[in-house]
C-alpha atoms as a PDB file:
ATOM      1  CA  UNK A   1       0.000   0.000   0.000  1.00  0.00           C
ATOM      2  CA  UNK A   2       1.153   3.506  -0.859  1.00  0.00           C
ATOM      3  CA  UNK A   3       2.889   5.123   2.184  1.00  0.00           C
ATOM      4  CA  UNK A   4       0.926   8.320   1.545  1.00  0.00           C
ATOM      5  CA  UNK A   5      -2.330   6.365   1.677  1.00  0.00           C
ATOM      6  CA  UNK A   6      -1.243   4.655   4.889  1.00  0.00           C
ATOM      7  CA  UNK A   7      -0.428   8.017   6.436  1.00  0.00           C
ATOM      8  CA  UNK A   8      -3.817   9.394   5.371  1.00  0.00           C
ATOM      9  CA  UNK A   9      -5.551   6.361   6.911  1.00  0.00           C
ATOM     10  CA  UNK A  10      -3.656   6.803  10.159  1.00  0.00           C
ATOM     11  CA  UNK A  11      -4.456  10.498  10.253  1.00  0.00           C
ATOM     12  CA  UNK A  12      -8.163   9.926   9.617  1.00  0.00           C
ATOM     13  CA  UNK A  13      -8.479   7.168  12.215  1.00  0.00           C
ATOM     14  CA  UNK A  14      -6.565   9.186  14.798  1.00  0.00           C
ATOM     15  CA  UNK A  15      -9.252  11.854  14.869  1.00  0.00           C
ATOM     16  CA  UNK A  16     -12.401   9.786  14.288  1.00  0.00           C
ATOM     17  CA  UNK A  17     -13.664   6.401  15.537  1.00  0.00           C
ATOM     18  CA  UNK A  18     -14.026   4.935  12.060  1.00  0.00           C
ATOM     19  CA  UNK A  19     -13.529   1.402  10.767  1.00  0.00           C
ATOM     20  CA  UNK A  20     -10.593   0.661   8.453  1.00  0.00           C
ATOM     21  CA  UNK A  21     -12.871  -0.359   5.590  1.00  0.00           C
ATOM     22  CA  UNK A  22     -15.019   2.758   5.874  1.00  0.00           C
ATOM     23  CA  UNK A  23     -11.928   4.968   6.132  1.00  0.00           C
ATOM     24  CA  UNK A  24     -10.465   3.464   2.970  1.00  0.00           C
ATOM     25  CA  UNK A  25     -13.746   3.981   1.096  1.00  0.00           C
ATOM     26  CA  UNK A  26     -13.954   7.609   2.178  1.00  0.00           C
ATOM     27  CA  UNK A  27     -10.361   8.306   1.214  1.00  0.00           C
ATOM     28  CA  UNK A  28     -10.906   6.814  -2.236  1.00  0.00           C
ATOM     29  CA  UNK A  29     -13.969   9.022  -2.661  1.00  0.00           C
ATOM     30  CA  UNK A  30     -12.046  12.094  -1.453  1.00  0.00           C
ATOM     31  CA  UNK A  31      -8.903  11.525  -3.544  1.00  0.00           C
ATOM     32  CA  UNK A  32      -6.868  10.602  -0.488  1.00  0.00           C
ATOM     33  CA  UNK A  33      -7.573  13.830   1.377  1.00  0.00           C
ATOM     34  CA  UNK A  34      -8.053  12.959   5.097  1.00  0.00           C
ATOM     35  CA  UNK A  35      -9.577  16.347   5.961  1.00  0.00           C
ATOM     36  CA  UNK A  36     -12.270  15.997   3.296  1.00  0.00           C
ATOM     37  CA  UNK A  37     -12.864  12.374   4.302  1.00  0.00           C
ATOM     38  CA  UNK A  38     -13.297  13.434   7.933  1.00  0.00           C
ATOM     39  CA  UNK A  39     -15.841  16.098   7.043  1.00  0.00           C
ATOM     40  CA  UNK A  40     -17.753  13.667   4.833  1.00  0.00           C
ATOM     41  CA  UNK A  41     -17.830  11.112   7.639  1.00  0.00           C
ATOM     42  CA  UNK A  42     -19.103  13.717  10.111  1.00  0.00           C
ATOM     43  CA  UNK A  43     -21.858  14.658   7.662  1.00  0.00           C
ATOM     44  CA  UNK A  44     -22.830  11.003   7.317  1.00  0.00           C
ATOM     45  CA  UNK A  45     -22.977  10.518  11.082  1.00  0.00           C
ATOM     46  CA  UNK A  46     -25.008  13.686  11.528  1.00  0.00           C
ATOM     47  CA  UNK A  47     -27.652  12.469   9.078  1.00  0.00           C
ATOM     48  CA  UNK A  48     -27.815   9.069  10.777  1.00  0.00           C
ATOM     49  CA  UNK A  49     -28.268  10.650  14.209  1.00  0.00           C
ATOM     50  CA  UNK A  50     -30.917  13.060  12.933  1.00  0.00           C
ATOM     51  CA  UNK A  51     -32.805  10.152  11.332  1.00  0.00           C
ATOM     52  CA  UNK A  52     -32.573   7.953  14.433  1.00  0.00           C
ATOM     53  CA  UNK A  53     -33.318  10.606  17.034  1.00  0.00           C
ATOM     54  CA  UNK A  54     -35.540  13.090  15.249  1.00  0.00           C
ATOM     55  CA  UNK A  55     -33.440  15.918  16.694  1.00  0.00           C
ATOM     56  CA  UNK A  56     -32.771  19.156  14.800  1.00  0.00           C
ATOM     57  CA  UNK A  57     -29.394  19.107  13.054  1.00  0.00           C
ATOM     58  CA  UNK A  58     -27.795  21.633  15.419  1.00  0.00           C
ATOM     59  CA  UNK A  59     -28.707  19.597  18.515  1.00  0.00           C
ATOM     60  CA  UNK A  60     -27.596  16.361  16.883  1.00  0.00           C
ATOM     61  CA  UNK A  61     -24.322  18.024  15.915  1.00  0.00           C
ATOM     62  CA  UNK A  62     -23.699  19.054  19.523  1.00  0.00           C
ATOM     63  CA  UNK A  63     -24.287  15.493  20.755  1.00  0.00           C
ATOM     64  CA  UNK A  64     -21.933  14.091  18.136  1.00  0.00           C
ATOM     65  CA  UNK A  65     -19.213  16.584  19.003  1.00  0.00           C
ATOM     66  CA  UNK A  66     -19.505  15.861  22.723  1.00  0.00           C
ATOM     67  CA  UNK A  67     -19.370  12.112  22.016  1.00  0.00           C
ATOM     68  CA  UNK A  68     -16.202  12.429  19.920  1.00  0.00           C
ATOM     69  CA  UNK A  69     -18.212  11.389  16.849  1.00  0.00           C
ATOM     70  CA  UNK A  70     -18.941   7.992  18.379  1.00  0.00           C
ATOM     71  CA  UNK A  71     -22.479   7.346  17.143  1.00  0.00           C
ATOM     72  CA  UNK A  72     -23.398   4.862  19.897  1.00  0.00           C
ATOM     73  CA  UNK A  73     -22.224   7.257  22.605  1.00  0.00           C
ATOM     74  CA  UNK A  74     -24.167  10.080  20.978  1.00  0.00           C
ATOM     75  CA  UNK A  75     -27.339   7.982  20.797  1.00  0.00           C
ATOM     76  CA  UNK A  76     -26.901   7.007  24.443  1.00  0.00           C
ATOM     77  CA  UNK A  77     -26.504  10.664  25.405  1.00  0.00           C
ATOM     78  CA  UNK A  78     -29.695  11.538  23.532  1.00  0.00           C
ATOM     79  CA  UNK A  79     -31.553   8.754  25.386  1.00  0.00           C
ATOM     80  CA  UNK A  80     -30.268   9.969  28.744  1.00  0.00           C
ATOM     81  CA  UNK A  81     -31.247  13.537  27.980  1.00  0.00           C
ATOM     82  CA  UNK A  82     -34.739  12.590  26.870  1.00  0.00           C
ATOM     83  CA  UNK A  83     -35.714   9.796  29.229  1.00  0.00           C
ATOM     84  CA  UNK A  84     -35.376   8.921  32.898  1.00  0.00           C
ATOM     85  CA  UNK A  85     -33.545   5.768  33.953  1.00  0.00           C
ATOM     86  CA  UNK A  86     -36.843   3.959  34.481  1.00  0.00           C
ATOM     87  CA  UNK A  87     -38.133   5.048  31.076  1.00  0.00           C
ATOM     88  CA  UNK A  88     -34.951   3.808  29.418  1.00  0.00           C
ATOM     89  CA  UNK A  89     -35.317   0.422  31.113  1.00  0.00           C
ATOM     90  CA  UNK A  90     -38.910   0.131  29.916  1.00  0.00           C
ATOM     91  CA  UNK A  91     -37.964   1.152  26.373  1.00  0.00           C
ATOM     92  CA  UNK A  92     -35.034  -1.240  26.176  1.00  0.00           C
ATOM     93  CA  UNK A  93     -36.681  -4.278  27.780  1.00  0.00           C
ATOM     94  CA  UNK A  94     -40.336  -3.922  26.786  1.00  0.00           C
ATOM     95  CA  UNK A  95     -40.247  -7.408  25.240  1.00  0.00           C
ATOM     96  CA  UNK A  96     -38.799  -8.976  28.411  1.00  0.00           C
ATOM     97  CA  UNK A  97     -40.899  -7.506  31.191  1.00  0.00           C
ATOM     98  CA  UNK A  98     -39.482  -9.758  33.907  1.00  0.00           C
ATOM     99  CA  UNK A  99     -36.008  -8.431  33.111  1.00  0.00           C
ATOM    100  CA  UNK A 100     -37.329  -4.864  33.128  1.00  0.00           C
ATOM    101  CA  UNK A 101     -38.884  -5.381  36.568  1.00  0.00           C
ATOM    102  CA  UNK A 102     -35.617  -6.772  37.945  1.00  0.00           C
ATOM    103  CA  UNK A 103     -33.634  -3.806  36.636  1.00  0.00           C
ATOM    104  CA  UNK A 104     -36.142  -1.306  38.027  1.00  0.00           C
ATOM    105  CA  UNK A 105     -35.949  -3.006  41.422  1.00  0.00           C
ATOM    106  CA  UNK A 106     -32.140  -2.755  41.310  1.00  0.00           C
ATOM    107  CA  UNK A 107     -32.403   0.928  40.387  1.00  0.00           C
ATOM    108  CA  UNK A 108     -34.725   1.616  43.339  1.00  0.00           C
ATOM    109  CA  UNK A 109     -32.486  -0.322  45.720  1.00  0.00           C
ATOM    110  CA  UNK A 110     -29.471   1.706  44.601  1.00  0.00           C
ATOM    111  CA  UNK A 111     -31.205   5.082  44.515  1.00  0.00           C
ATOM    112  CA  UNK A 112     -32.802   4.618  47.945  1.00  0.00           C
ATOM    113  CA  UNK A 113     -29.742   2.881  49.455  1.00  0.00           C
ATOM    114  CA  UNK A 114     -31.963   0.133  50.818  1.00  0.00           C
ATOM    115  CA  UNK A 115     -30.297  -2.068  53.460  1.00  0.00           C
ATOM    116  CA  UNK A 116     -30.047  -5.732  52.507  1.00  0.00           C
ATOM    117  CA  UNK A 117     -28.962  -8.711  54.548  1.00  0.00           C
ATOM    118  CA  UNK A 118     -29.584 -11.230  51.803  1.00  0.00           C
ATOM    119  CA  UNK A 119     -33.220  -9.990  51.763  1.00  0.00           C
ATOM    120  CA  UNK A 120     -34.332  -6.389  51.952  1.00  0.00           C
ATOM    121  CA  UNK A 121     -35.491  -4.918  55.238  1.00  0.00           C
ATOM    122  CA  UNK A 122     -39.253  -4.488  54.828  1.00  0.00           C
ATOM    123  CA  UNK A 123     -39.297  -1.827  57.544  1.00  0.00           C
ATOM    124  CA  UNK A 124     -37.269   0.375  55.220  1.00  0.00           C
ATOM    125  CA  UNK A 125     -39.584  -0.351  52.287  1.00  0.00           C
ATOM    126  CA  UNK A 126     -42.443   1.172  54.258  1.00  0.00           C
ATOM    127  CA  UNK A 127     -40.658   4.541  53.995  1.00  0.00           C
ATOM    128  CA  UNK A 128     -40.721   4.601  50.193  1.00  0.00           C
ATOM    129  CA  UNK A 129     -43.202   6.578  48.132  1.00  0.00           C
ATOM    130  CA  UNK A 130     -46.467   4.645  47.651  1.00  0.00           C
ATOM    131  CA  UNK A 131     -45.861   3.315  44.119  1.00  0.00           C
ATOM    132  CA  UNK A 132     -42.252   2.143  44.646  1.00  0.00           C
ATOM    133  CA  UNK A 133     -43.246   0.693  48.036  1.00  0.00           C
ATOM    134  CA  UNK A 134     -45.940  -1.454  46.438  1.00  0.00           C
ATOM    135  CA  UNK A 135     -43.560  -2.487  43.672  1.00  0.00           C
ATOM    136  CA  UNK A 136     -40.656  -3.377  45.954  1.00  0.00           C
ATOM    137  CA  UNK A 137     -42.705  -5.315  48.515  1.00  0.00           C
ATOM    138  CA  UNK A 138     -44.121  -7.543  45.800  1.00  0.00           C
ATOM    139  CA  UNK A 139     -40.893  -7.852  43.819  1.00  0.00           C
ATOM    140  CA  UNK A 140     -38.982  -8.924  46.923  1.00  0.00           C
ATOM    141  CA  UNK A 141     -41.710 -11.344  47.996  1.00  0.00           C
ATOM    142  CA  UNK A 142     -41.724 -12.893  44.524  1.00  0.00           C
ATOM    143  CA  UNK A 143     -37.931 -13.191  44.585  1.00  0.00           C
ATOM    144  CA  UNK A 144     -38.172 -15.013  47.910  1.00  0.00           C
ATOM    145  CA  UNK A 145     -40.842 -17.343  46.520  1.00  0.00           C
ATOM    146  CA  UNK A 146     -38.681 -18.114  43.494  1.00  0.00           C
ATOM    147  CA  UNK A 147     -35.719 -18.953  45.730  1.00  0.00           C
ATOM    148  CA  UNK A 148     -37.281 -20.635  48.771  1.00  0.00           C
ATOM    149  CA  UNK A 149     -40.521 -22.050  47.376  1.00  0.00           C
ATOM    150  CA  UNK A 150     -44.213 -21.354  47.760  1.00  0.00           C
ATOM    151  CA  UNK A 151     -44.671 -22.900  51.206  1.00  0.00           C
ATOM    152  CA  UNK A 152     -41.752 -20.948  52.700  1.00  0.00           C
ATOM    153  CA  UNK A 153     -42.892 -17.688  51.078  1.00  0.00           C
ATOM    154  CA  UNK A 154     -46.116 -17.869  53.095  1.00  0.00           C
ATOM    155  CA  UNK A 155     -43.961 -17.089  56.158  1.00  0.00           C
ATOM    156  CA  UNK A 156     -42.155 -14.163  54.479  1.00  0.00           C
ATOM    157  CA  UNK A 157     -43.943 -10.831  55.073  1.00  0.00           C
ATOM    158  CA  UNK A 158     -47.159 -12.314  53.697  1.00  0.00           C
ATOM    159  CA  UNK A 159     -49.529  -9.678  55.186  1.00  0.00           C
ATOM    160  CA  UNK A 160     -47.569  -6.892  53.465  1.00  0.00           C
ATOM    161  CA  UNK A 161     -47.583  -8.775  50.160  1.00  0.00           C
ATOM    162  CA  UNK A 162     -51.316  -9.475  50.340  1.00  0.00           C
ATOM    163  CA  UNK A 163     -52.046  -5.834  51.197  1.00  0.00           C
ATOM    164  CA  UNK A 164     -50.148  -4.680  48.110  1.00  0.00           C
ATOM    165  CA  UNK A 165     -51.879  -7.259  45.909  1.00  0.00           C
ATOM    166  CA  UNK A 166     -55.214  -5.844  47.002  1.00  0.00           C
ATOM    167  CA  UNK A 167     -53.856  -2.348  46.361  1.00  0.00           C
ATOM    168  CA  UNK A 168     -53.236  -3.492  42.763  1.00  0.00           C
ATOM    169  CA  UNK A 169     -56.791  -4.907  42.702  1.00  0.00           C
ATOM    170  CA  UNK A 170     -55.462  -8.443  42.263  1.00  0.00           C
ATOM    171  CA  UNK A 171     -57.955  -9.773  44.768  1.00  0.00           C
ATOM    172  CA  UNK A 172     -58.131 -13.292  43.331  1.00  0.00           C
ATOM    173  CA  UNK A 173     -54.401 -13.718  43.775  1.00  0.00           C
ATOM    174  CA  UNK A 174     -54.555 -12.279  47.295  1.00  0.00           C
ATOM    175  CA  UNK A 175     -57.378 -14.691  48.127  1.00  0.00           C
ATOM    176  CA  UNK A 176     -55.292 -17.607  46.848  1.00  0.00           C
ATOM    177  CA  UNK A 177     -52.399 -16.714  49.140  1.00  0.00           C
ATOM    178  CA  UNK A 178     -54.678 -16.241  52.121  1.00  0.00           C
ATOM    179  CA  UNK A 179     -56.330 -19.603  51.502  1.00  0.00           C
ATOM    180  CA  UNK A 180     -52.953 -21.339  51.145  1.00  0.00           C
ATOM    181  CA  UNK A 181     -51.684 -19.729  54.339  1.00  0.00           C
ATOM    182  CA  UNK A 182     -54.774 -20.653  56.339  1.00  0.00           C
ATOM    183  CA  UNK A 183     -54.704 -24.248  55.135  1.00  0.00           C
ATOM    184  CA  UNK A 184     -50.990 -24.560  55.842  1.00  0.00           C
ATOM    185  CA  UNK A 185     -51.572 -23.271  59.362  1.00  0.00           C
ATOM    186  CA  UNK A 186     -54.305 -25.872  59.916  1.00  0.00           C
ATOM    187  CA  UNK A 187     -52.018 -28.655  58.715  1.00  0.00           C
ATOM    188  CA  UNK A 188     -49.199 -27.484  60.947  1.00  0.00           C
ATOM    189  CA  UNK A 189     -51.514 -27.188  63.944  1.00  0.00           C
ATOM    190  CA  UNK A 190     -52.581 -30.811  63.473  1.00  0.00           C
ATOM    191  CA  UNK A 191     -49.093 -32.291  63.327  1.00  0.00           C
ATOM    192  CA  UNK A 192     -47.909 -34.729  66.005  1.00  0.00           C
ATOM    193  CA  UNK A 193     -44.820 -34.274  68.155  1.00  0.00           C
ATOM    194  CA  UNK A 194     -43.295 -37.363  66.558  1.00  0.00           C
ATOM    195  CA  UNK A 195     -43.449 -35.705  63.145  1.00  0.00           C
ATOM    196  CA  UNK A 196     -40.184 -34.004  62.182  1.00  0.00           C
ATOM    197  CA  UNK A 197     -40.153 -30.573  60.494  1.00  0.00           C
ATOM    198  CA  UNK A 198     -39.129 -32.235  57.224  1.00  0.00           C
ATOM    199  CA  UNK A 199     -41.973 -34.747  57.450  1.00  0.00           C
ATOM    200  CA  UNK A 200     -44.406 -31.920  58.160  1.00  0.00           C
ATOM    201  CA  UNK A 201     -43.140 -29.937  55.172  1.00  0.00           C
ATOM    202  CA  UNK A 202     -43.546 -33.009  52.951  1.00  0.00           C
ATOM    203  CA  UNK A 203     -47.097 -33.537  54.208  1.00  0.00           C
ATOM    204  CA  UNK A 204     -47.983 -29.904  53.517  1.00  0.00           C
ATOM    205  CA  UNK A 205     -46.576 -30.037  49.996  1.00  0.00           C
ATOM    206  CA  UNK A 206     -48.416 -33.273  49.248  1.00  0.00           C
ATOM    207  CA  UNK A 207     -51.767 -31.971  50.444  1.00  0.00           C
ATOM    208  CA  UNK A 208     -54.260 -31.709  47.537  1.00  0.00           C
ATOM    209  CA  UNK A 209     -55.843 -28.430  48.658  1.00  0.00           C
ATOM    210  CA  UNK A 210     -52.472 -26.822  49.298  1.00  0.00           C
ATOM    211  CA  UNK A 211     -51.252 -27.979  45.877  1.00  0.00           C
ATOM    212  CA  UNK A 212     -54.385 -26.551  44.286  1.00  0.00           C
ATOM    213  CA  UNK A 213     -53.563 -23.168  45.844  1.00  0.00           C
ATOM    214  CA  UNK A 214     -49.984 -23.393  44.622  1.00  0.00           C
ATOM    215  CA  UNK A 215     -51.136 -24.281  41.099  1.00  0.00           C
ATOM    216  CA  UNK A 216     -53.549 -21.355  41.144  1.00  0.00           C
ATOM    217  CA  UNK A 217     -50.735 -19.018  42.189  1.00  0.00           C
ATOM    218  CA  UNK A 218     -48.503 -20.294  39.373  1.00  0.00           C
ATOM    219  CA  UNK A 219     -51.259 -19.703  36.828  1.00  0.00           C
ATOM    220  CA  UNK A 220     -51.854 -16.150  38.057  1.00  0.00           C
ATOM    221  CA  UNK A 221     -48.201 -15.201  38.456  1.00  0.00           C
ATOM    222  CA  UNK A 222     -47.756 -13.836  34.893  1.00  0.00           C
ATOM    223  CA  UNK A 223     -50.724 -11.540  35.539  1.00  0.00           C
ATOM    224  CA  UNK A 224     -48.852 -10.031  38.473  1.00  0.00           C
ATOM    225  CA  UNK A 225     -45.770  -9.319  36.349  1.00  0.00           C
ATOM    226  CA  UNK A 226     -47.977  -7.602  33.771  1.00  0.00           C
ATOM    227  CA  UNK A 227     -49.692  -5.549  36.467  1.00  0.00           C
ATOM    228  CA  UNK A 228     -46.393  -4.478  38.044  1.00  0.00           C
ATOM    229  CA  UNK A 229     -45.115  -3.363  34.639  1.00  0.00           C
ATOM    230  CA  UNK A 230     -48.293  -1.315  34.107  1.00  0.00           C
ATOM    231  CA  UNK A 231     -47.933   0.064  37.636  1.00  0.00           C
ATOM    232  CA  UNK A 232     -44.481   1.440  36.843  1.00  0.00           C
ATOM    233  CA  UNK A 233     -45.774   3.034  33.635  1.00  0.00           C
ATOM    234  CA  UNK A 234     -48.735   4.548  35.493  1.00  0.00           C
ATOM    235  CA  UNK A 235     -46.648   6.107  38.296  1.00  0.00           C
ATOM    236  CA  UNK A 236     -43.336   6.514  36.519  1.00  0.00           C
ATOM    237  CA  UNK A 237     -42.696   9.924  38.116  1.00  0.00           C
ATOM    238  CA  UNK A 238     -42.202   8.141  41.471  1.00  0.00           C
ATOM    239  CA  UNK A 239     -39.536   5.795  40.065  1.00  0.00           C
ATOM    240  CA  UNK A 240     -35.774   6.467  39.588  1.00  0.00           C
ATOM    241  CA  UNK A 241     -34.887   9.289  37.242  1.00  0.00           C
END
């Protein structure tokens, strides 16, 4: 390769984040002039950013300049300027709502500096604004249920979880949890002293009525994820900016 062409390539790529192939094509179009190639590339990027963002050219130009003409960085800066953190999560993960809910919960935990000793302190959750409080109580309860199982989750801040389910008008799901809890308590009250805790747990999890409650919960669980996602959209001003 011609040393002059190599020097022009090096000069162009030292000032702009451009691929080797694209740099070569621009230099061929601009008769080997790196300054002209750089200006052409900047014009190309500006048009792409305007098309993708809908911004006026002068605003898009400012974002590109601040991002060192890195298109991805410029697009990210536009997103951050336009949307809150929660809005960006919803926009990015709208096709994976469970992932979106997890990321929003992490954002709340970080923003509010919530104390955690493996599980969050529910006393601290009570101090949150109403919408994030409802969201976090249910998200944490669901995380516990995923990890420890349905029977154990009935002993994990169940009254708070049921109260928030009713706040979301998911009364059927709240009723299911109450029924499962009441039946589990009856089974535990009837156990004999000779029955070990493991044997009792097995008996509870083999009980037909208890299993029916657990199956009902599993069937309604996706509805709760959908409702929590809608809840964030409805009260997004209370969620992390």
